[in-house]
C-alpha atoms as a PDB file:
ATOM      1  CA  MET A   1       0.000   0.000   0.000  1.00  0.00           C
ATOM      2  CA  SER A   2       2.783   2.439   0.826  1.00  0.00           C
ATOM      3  CA  ASP A   3       4.233   1.920  -2.662  1.00  0.00           C
ATOM      4  CA  GLU A   4       0.904   2.929  -4.223  1.00  0.00           C
ATOM      5  CA  LEU A   5       0.633   6.024  -2.012  1.00  0.00           C
ATOM      6  CA  GLN A   6       4.212   6.947  -2.887  1.00  0.00           C
ATOM      7  CA  ALA A   7       3.368   6.546  -6.597  1.00  0.00           C
ATOM      8  CA  LEU A   8       0.452   8.985  -6.151  1.00  0.00           C
ATOM      9  CA  ILE A   9       2.759  11.485  -4.452  1.00  0.00           C
ATOM     10  CA  HIS A  10       5.279  11.248  -7.304  1.00  0.00           C
ATOM     11  CA  MET A  11       2.492  11.650  -9.865  1.00  0.00           C
ATOM     12  CA  VAL A  12       1.366  14.914  -8.245  1.00  0.00           C
ATOM     13  CA  GLU A  13       4.924  16.196  -7.720  1.00  0.00           C
ATOM     14  CA  ASP A  14       5.833  15.495 -11.354  1.00  0.00           C
ATOM     15  CA  ALA A  15       2.736  17.320 -12.632  1.00  0.00           C
ATOM     16  CA  CYS A  16       3.215  20.349 -10.365  1.00  0.00           C
ATOM     17  CA  PRO A  17       6.881  21.272  -9.999  1.00  0.00           C
ATOM     18  CA  CYS A  18       6.470  23.564  -7.008  1.00  0.00           C
ATOM     19  CA  PRO A  19       7.340  23.115  -3.336  1.00  0.00           C
ATOM     20  CA  MET A  20       4.564  21.123  -1.714  1.00  0.00           C
ATOM     21  CA  GLN A  21       3.747  18.836   1.147  1.00  0.00           C
ATOM     22  CA  VAL A  22       1.520  15.859   0.334  1.00  0.00           C
ATOM     23  CA  SER A  23      -0.402  13.794   2.882  1.00  0.00           C
ATOM     24  CA  PHE A  24      -3.292  11.337   2.972  1.00  0.00           C
ATOM     25  CA  THR A  25      -6.258  10.733   5.265  1.00  0.00           C
ATOM     26  CA  PHE A  26      -8.705   7.865   5.321  1.00  0.00           C
ATOM     27  CA  THR A  27     -12.134   8.066   6.897  1.00  0.00           C
ATOM     28  CA  HIS A  28     -14.509   6.009   4.747  1.00  0.00           C
ATOM     29  CA  GLU A  29     -12.591   7.259   1.675  1.00  0.00           C
ATOM     30  CA  LEU A  30      -9.003   8.028   0.751  1.00  0.00           C
ATOM     31  CA  ARG A  31      -8.237  11.753   0.441  1.00  0.00           C
ATOM     32  CA  ILE A  32      -5.061  13.477  -0.660  1.00  0.00           C
ATOM     33  CA  ALA A  33      -4.042  16.855   0.783  1.00  0.00           C
ATOM     34  CA  ILE A  34      -1.532  19.024  -1.048  1.00  0.00           C
ATOM     35  CA  ASP A  35      -0.194  22.041   0.848  1.00  0.00           C
ATOM     36  CA  VAL A  36       1.371  24.883  -1.143  1.00  0.00           C
ATOM     37  CA  ARG A  37       2.307  28.499  -0.453  1.00  0.00           C
ATOM     38  CA  THR A  38       0.852  30.657  -3.236  1.00  0.00           C
ATOM     39  CA  LEU A  39      -2.467  31.008  -5.034  1.00  0.00           C
ATOM     40  CA  GLU A  40      -0.656  30.385  -8.320  1.00  0.00           C
ATOM     41  CA  GLU A  41       0.453  27.012  -6.960  1.00  0.00           C
ATOM     42  CA  VAL A  42      -3.121  26.298  -5.818  1.00  0.00           C
ATOM     43  CA  HIS A  43      -4.347  26.945  -9.370  1.00  0.00           C
ATOM     44  CA  MET A  44      -1.571  24.753 -10.806  1.00  0.00           C
ATOM     45  CA  VAL A  45      -2.554  21.837  -8.550  1.00  0.00           C
ATOM     46  CA  GLU A  46      -6.299  22.315  -9.147  1.00  0.00           C
ATOM     47  CA  THR A  47      -5.716  22.329 -12.907  1.00  0.00           C
ATOM     48  CA  ALA A  48      -3.453  19.264 -12.925  1.00  0.00           C
ATOM     49  CA  LEU A  49      -5.336  16.925 -10.550  1.00  0.00           C
ATOM     50  CA  PRO A  50      -8.385  16.079 -12.713  1.00  0.00           C
ATOM     51  CA  GLY A  51      -6.201  14.766 -15.552  1.00  0.00           C
ATOM     52  CA  LEU A  52      -3.804  12.676 -13.503  1.00  0.00           C
ATOM     53  CA  GLY A  53      -3.971   8.894 -13.292  1.00  0.00           C
ATOM     54  CA  GLY A  54      -6.886   8.626 -15.690  1.00  0.00           C
ATOM     55  CA  GLY A  55      -9.078  10.868 -13.562  1.00  0.00           C
ATOM     56  CA  ILE A  56      -8.627   9.203 -10.152  1.00  0.00           C
ATOM     57  CA  PHE A  57      -8.813  12.529  -8.294  1.00  0.00           C
ATOM     58  CA  ASP A  58     -12.222  14.144  -7.863  1.00  0.00           C
ATOM     59  CA  HIS A  59     -14.177  16.334  -5.443  1.00  0.00           C
ATOM     60  CA  ILE A  60     -11.305  18.811  -5.475  1.00  0.00           C
ATOM     61  CA  THR A  61     -11.538  21.510  -2.825  1.00  0.00           C
ATOM     62  CA  ARG A  62      -9.321  24.258  -1.420  1.00  0.00           C
ATOM     63  CA  ALA A  63      -9.065  25.567   2.118  1.00  0.00           C
ATOM     64  CA  ALA A  64      -6.860  27.464   4.507  1.00  0.00           C
ATOM     65  CA  ILE A  65      -4.841  25.432   6.976  1.00  0.00           C
ATOM     66  CA  PRO A  66      -5.483  26.253  10.642  1.00  0.00           C
ATOM     67  CA  HIS A  67      -2.407  27.623  12.420  1.00  0.00           C
ATOM     68  CA  HIS A  68      -0.477  27.870   9.112  1.00  0.00           C
ATOM     69  CA  ALA A  69      -1.311  31.291   7.714  1.00  0.00           C
ATOM     70  CA  PHE A  70       1.114  31.013   4.801  1.00  0.00           C
ATOM     71  CA  LEU A  71      -0.055  27.632   3.481  1.00  0.00           C
ATOM     72  CA  LYS A  72      -3.025  26.775   1.314  1.00  0.00           C
ATOM     73  CA  ARG A  73      -4.489  23.274   0.946  1.00  0.00           C
ATOM     74  CA  VAL A  74      -5.931  21.560  -2.091  1.00  0.00           C
ATOM     75  CA  SER A  75      -7.571  18.240  -1.302  1.00  0.00           C
ATOM     76  CA  ALA A  76      -9.328  15.604  -3.365  1.00  0.00           C
ATOM     77  CA  THR A  77     -10.885  12.173  -3.120  1.00  0.00           C
ATOM     78  CA  VAL A  78      -8.723   9.370  -4.543  1.00  0.00           C
ATOM     79  CA  ASN A  79     -10.806   6.829  -6.441  1.00  0.00           C
ATOM     80  CA  ARG A  80      -8.465   3.937  -7.030  1.00  0.00           C
END
């Protein structure tokens, strides 16, 4: 399983060559969270995610990160 999660991380990093932190959560569904610094990077991630892995990322949302004023989060459901 960790190899598959690592492959997803590399897929996102290759598509969006900007500094980012990628993490996953699982509560009834697998979600990916991508933390970036600028709105331009948010747009880059939001644009790239739908086309990656044959469309495995959906329900893409953005949010601020509590206690991290300089980071923005893009998250999505992973349907794999």
